[in-house]
Amino acid sequence: MGLLLYLDTVLVPLSFFITVGYHAYLLHCFKIKPSTTTFGINTLKRRAWFLQLKDGDDKKSMLAIQSLRNTLMETILTASIAILVILCLAALLNNAFNVTNLLGIHPIFGSQSSKIYSLKYGSSSLFLSASFLFGSMAIGSLIDANFMVNNVSSEFSNSSLNVTNTVFEKGFVLALVSNRMLCISFPFMLWMLGPLPVLLSSMALVWCLYQLDFVAKFTNHGNINNKHSLKL
């Protein structure tokens, strides 16, 4: 029973370091070998496609607008969800004592003090606010990229082309960070139910993100088998 009283100080930091460690590993793989991550592959494709805009093809410019529009809509949705959840958490924080009475005083739910409840909702609000902030900056960068990509032509210098590419990539990176901040905030919202759901949800989140972020290994084996079948 005495161990249960310290679950908040052990499981919650552990779940946080698991999530942060995974994203540090993802960043390391992206810098060392970007072809192993889906974001790295998309970045390489965007760079190869962006270099072709020097010709000033109108069809490719329209394709840029359509590609940016999808990311822009996703970022707006992420920022909207973040600010709505913050408002909901503020309303729940006012009824923290009522929630405490519903959950009872069992140690499995962790500490039930008002300060810990403020910390629980404050940690979630911090990640949600960061998600909204990065989402807002991503929206601004993507809107600027819409105008700058349409003006890219062979008449512009390489410096202006590099600035356009920087703004173009910055929008996608900020949109990804906003999305990840929103995902990280969900396990911390489960902290109200105890530290154990935080750890379990963080592990489930890391597993789901791993399936999305890294290229499946069986695709390489599938390509090898296809080559052998073509030779036969």
Protein backbone atom coordinates (compact mmCIF):
# COMPACT_ATOMS: atom_id res chain seq x y z
CA MET A 1 0.00 0.00 0.00
CA GLY A 2 2.89 2.35 0.72
CA LEU A 3 4.21 1.89 -2.82
CA LEU A 4 0.92 3.05 -4.31
CA LEU A 5 1.34 6.44 -2.68
CA TYR A 6 4.43 7.08 -4.82
CA LEU A 7 2.93 6.05 -8.17
CA ASP A 8 2.55 9.68 -9.24
CA THR A 9 6.24 10.40 -8.73
CA VAL A 10 7.39 7.24 -10.55
CA LEU A 11 4.97 6.34 -13.35
CA VAL A 12 4.17 9.84 -14.64
CA PRO A 13 7.83 10.91 -15.18
CA LEU A 14 8.52 7.46 -16.65
CA SER A 15 5.72 7.83 -19.19
CA PHE A 16 6.95 11.32 -20.06
CA PHE A 17 10.53 10.15 -20.64
CA ILE A 18 9.26 7.24 -22.77
CA THR A 19 7.47 9.68 -25.08
CA VAL A 20 10.35 12.16 -25.17
CA GLY A 21 12.87 9.37 -25.70
CA TYR A 22 10.91 8.02 -28.64
CA HIS A 23 10.80 11.41 -30.35
CA ALA A 24 14.52 11.90 -29.67
CA TYR A 25 15.14 8.56 -31.38
CA LEU A 26 12.88 9.61 -34.25
CA LEU A 27 14.83 12.85 -34.67
CA HIS A 28 18.11 10.92 -34.62
CA CYS A 29 16.88 8.54 -37.34
CA PHE A 30 15.61 11.47 -39.38
CA LYS A 31 19.02 13.17 -39.30
CA ILE A 32 21.12 10.04 -39.82
CA LYS A 33 18.97 8.17 -42.34
CA PRO A 34 15.80 10.03 -43.32
CA SER A 35 14.73 7.30 -45.75
CA THR A 36 13.77 5.10 -42.78
CA THR A 37 11.09 7.53 -41.58
CA THR A 38 7.91 8.57 -43.34
CA PHE A 39 8.51 12.24 -42.55
CA GLY A 40 12.02 11.97 -43.99
CA ILE A 41 10.72 10.38 -47.19
CA ASN A 42 8.09 13.10 -47.56
CA THR A 43 10.75 15.76 -46.97
CA LEU A 44 12.99 14.30 -49.66
CA LYS A 45 10.06 14.16 -52.07
CA ARG A 46 9.15 17.78 -51.35
CA ARG A 47 12.72 18.92 -51.92
CA ALA A 48 12.98 17.04 -55.20
CA TRP A 49 9.64 18.41 -56.31
CA PHE A 50 10.52 21.94 -55.16
CA LEU A 51 13.65 22.02 -57.29
CA GLN A 52 11.48 21.47 -60.36
CA LEU A 53 9.60 24.70 -59.72
CA LYS A 54 12.46 26.72 -61.19
CA ASP A 55 10.85 26.20 -64.59
CA GLY A 56 7.78 28.16 -63.48
CA ASP A 57 5.26 25.48 -64.51
CA ASP A 58 1.73 26.62 -63.63
CA LYS A 59 0.50 23.05 -63.22
CA LYS A 60 3.17 22.35 -60.60
CA SER A 61 2.24 25.56 -58.80
CA MET A 62 -1.39 24.42 -58.61
CA LEU A 63 -0.19 21.09 -57.26
CA ALA A 64 1.69 22.99 -54.56
CA ILE A 65 -1.47 24.82 -53.54
CA GLN A 66 -3.43 21.58 -53.32
CA SER A 67 -0.70 19.87 -51.28
CA LEU A 68 -0.39 22.78 -48.88
CA ARG A 69 -4.16 23.03 -48.53
CA ASN A 70 -4.42 19.54 -47.04
CA THR A 71 -1.72 20.25 -44.47
CA LEU A 72 -3.25 23.65 -43.73
CA MET A 73 -6.68 22.13 -43.05
CA GLU A 74 -5.14 19.49 -40.79
CA THR A 75 -3.22 22.13 -38.85
CA ILE A 76 -6.31 24.30 -38.39
CA LEU A 77 -8.21 21.27 -37.08
CA THR A 78 -5.40 20.45 -34.65
CA ALA A 79 -5.25 24.01 -33.31
CA SER A 80 -9.03 24.12 -32.94
CA ILE A 81 -9.11 20.85 -31.01
CA ALA A 82 -6.30 22.07 -28.75
CA ILE A 83 -8.03 25.31 -27.77
CA LEU A 84 -11.38 23.57 -27.23
CA VAL A 85 -9.82 20.95 -24.95
CA ILE A 86 -8.10 23.71 -22.96
CA LEU A 87 -11.48 25.33 -22.34
CA CYS A 88 -12.94 21.99 -21.28
CA LEU A 89 -10.06 21.42 -18.86
CA ALA A 90 -10.61 24.85 -17.35
CA ALA A 91 -14.24 23.94 -16.68
CA LEU A 92 -13.25 20.60 -15.16
CA LEU A 93 -10.67 22.23 -12.94
CA ASN A 94 -13.43 24.23 -11.24
CA ASN A 95 -15.12 20.94 -10.31
CA ALA A 96 -11.94 19.19 -9.18
CA PHE A 97 -13.24 18.55 -5.69
CA ASN A 98 -16.41 16.94 -7.02
CA VAL A 99 -14.34 14.64 -9.19
CA THR A 100 -12.25 13.75 -6.17
CA ASN A 101 -15.35 12.63 -4.31
CA LEU A 102 -16.40 10.49 -7.25
CA LEU A 103 -13.04 8.75 -7.53
CA GLY A 104 -12.70 8.24 -3.81
CA ILE A 105 -9.48 8.12 -1.87
CA HIS A 106 -8.08 4.82 -3.18
CA PRO A 107 -4.30 5.09 -3.66
CA ILE A 108 -4.53 3.62 -7.16
CA PHE A 109 -5.86 7.00 -8.33
CA GLY A 110 -2.79 8.76 -6.99
CA SER A 111 -2.81 11.88 -4.89
CA GLN A 112 -6.16 13.65 -4.63
CA SER A 113 -4.97 16.99 -3.25
CA SER A 114 -5.99 20.23 -4.93
CA LYS A 115 -2.37 21.07 -5.78
CA ILE A 116 -1.86 17.76 -7.56
CA TYR A 117 -5.10 18.24 -9.45
CA SER A 118 -3.89 21.64 -10.57
CA LEU A 119 -0.64 20.01 -11.70
CA LYS A 120 -2.57 17.32 -13.58
CA TYR A 121 -4.64 19.76 -15.58
CA GLY A 122 -1.80 22.25 -15.83
CA SER A 123 0.49 19.73 -17.52
CA SER A 124 -2.19 18.90 -20.08
CA SER A 125 -2.93 22.57 -20.67
CA LEU A 126 0.78 23.24 -21.20
CA PHE A 127 1.04 20.72 -24.05
CA LEU A 128 -2.28 21.86 -25.51
CA SER A 129 -1.16 25.48 -25.44
CA ALA A 130 2.10 24.51 -27.14
CA SER A 131 0.10 22.61 -29.75
CA PHE A 132 -2.04 25.68 -30.42
CA LEU A 133 1.05 27.93 -30.57
CA PHE A 134 2.95 25.73 -33.02
CA GLY A 135 -0.22 25.21 -35.03
CA SER A 136 -0.73 28.96 -35.34
CA MET A 137 2.85 29.44 -36.52
CA ALA A 138 2.46 26.55 -38.97
CA ILE A 139 -0.68 28.14 -40.42
CA GLY A 140 1.16 31.42 -40.95
CA SER A 141 4.11 29.69 -42.60
CA LEU A 142 1.90 27.62 -44.89
CA ILE A 143 -0.09 30.68 -45.95
CA ASP A 144 3.14 32.51 -46.78
CA ALA A 145 4.36 29.45 -48.67
CA ASN A 146 1.21 29.53 -50.82
CA PHE A 147 2.08 32.99 -52.11
CA MET A 148 5.81 32.41 -52.38
CA VAL A 149 5.53 29.14 -54.31
CA ASN A 150 3.33 30.78 -56.94
CA ASN A 151 6.03 33.43 -57.49
CA VAL A 152 8.86 30.93 -57.94
CA SER A 153 10.18 31.05 -61.49
CA SER A 154 13.44 31.00 -63.36
CA GLU A 155 13.69 34.79 -63.05
CA PHE A 156 14.20 34.64 -59.29
CA SER A 157 17.61 34.22 -57.74
CA ASN A 158 18.78 31.22 -55.78
CA SER A 159 18.58 33.19 -52.52
CA SER A 160 14.85 33.84 -52.93
CA LEU A 161 14.38 30.22 -53.87
CA ASN A 162 16.14 29.11 -50.70
CA VAL A 163 13.97 31.42 -48.60
CA THR A 164 10.86 29.98 -50.19
CA ASN A 165 12.06 26.46 -49.53
CA THR A 166 12.82 27.33 -45.89
CA VAL A 167 9.35 28.74 -45.30
CA PHE A 168 7.87 25.78 -47.14
CA GLU A 169 9.61 23.23 -44.92
CA LYS A 170 9.08 25.25 -41.74
CA GLY A 171 5.33 25.05 -42.19
CA PHE A 172 5.36 21.26 -42.42
CA VAL A 173 7.72 20.90 -39.45
CA LEU A 174 5.62 23.18 -37.24
CA ALA A 175 2.47 21.33 -38.28
CA LEU A 176 4.09 18.04 -37.24
CA VAL A 177 5.19 19.47 -33.89
CA SER A 178 1.69 20.80 -33.26
CA ASN A 179 0.21 17.40 -34.01
CA ARG A 180 2.64 15.62 -31.68
CA MET A 181 2.03 18.06 -28.84
CA LEU A 182 -1.67 17.33 -29.12
CA CYS A 183 -1.01 13.59 -29.04
CA ILE A 184 1.26 13.87 -25.98
CA SER A 185 -1.38 15.84 -24.09
CA PHE A 186 -3.92 13.00 -24.17
CA PRO A 187 -2.02 10.66 -21.80
CA PHE A 188 -1.64 13.52 -19.32
CA MET A 189 -5.38 14.14 -19.42
CA LEU A 190 -5.82 10.56 -18.21
CA TRP A 191 -3.77 11.44 -15.15
CA MET A 192 -7.06 12.31 -13.45
CA LEU A 193 -7.84 8.58 -13.42
CA GLY A 194 -4.49 7.77 -11.90
CA PRO A 195 -0.83 7.43 -12.92
CA LEU A 196 -1.26 3.90 -14.28
CA PRO A 197 -3.47 4.99 -17.24
CA VAL A 198 -0.83 7.62 -18.06
CA LEU A 199 1.87 4.97 -18.43
CA LEU A 200 -0.33 2.57 -20.40
CA SER A 201 -1.60 5.27 -22.74
CA SER A 202 1.93 6.59 -23.31
CA MET A 203 3.15 3.13 -24.27
CA ALA A 204 0.18 2.69 -26.60
CA LEU A 205 0.82 6.11 -28.11
CA VAL A 206 4.47 5.33 -28.76
CA TRP A 207 3.56 2.03 -30.39
CA CYS A 208 1.00 3.69 -32.68
CA LEU A 209 3.37 6.51 -33.61
CA TYR A 210 6.12 4.00 -34.36
CA GLN A 211 3.86 2.27 -36.87
CA LEU A 212 3.20 5.63 -38.55
CA ASP A 213 6.66 7.20 -38.38
CA PHE A 214 8.89 4.38 -39.57
CA VAL A 215 8.83 2.60 -42.89
CA ALA A 216 7.68 -0.99 -42.56
CA LYS A 217 10.54 -3.44 -42.83
CA PHE A 218 8.57 -5.90 -44.90
CA THR A 219 8.42 -3.42 -47.80
CA ASN A 220 12.13 -3.90 -48.45
CA HIS A 221 11.74 -7.66 -48.43
CA GLY A 222 8.75 -7.30 -50.71
CA ASN A 223 10.79 -5.31 -53.22
CA ILE A 224 13.54 -7.94 -53.13
CA ASN A 225 11.03 -10.72 -53.74
CA ASN A 226 9.52 -8.77 -56.62
CA LYS A 227 12.97 -8.37 -58.21
CA HIS A 228 13.63 -12.07 -57.92
CA SER A 229 10.26 -12.89 -59.43
CA LEU A 230 10.95 -10.54 -62.36
CA LYS A 231 14.30 -12.23 -62.99
CA LEU A 232 12.61 -15.62 -63.04
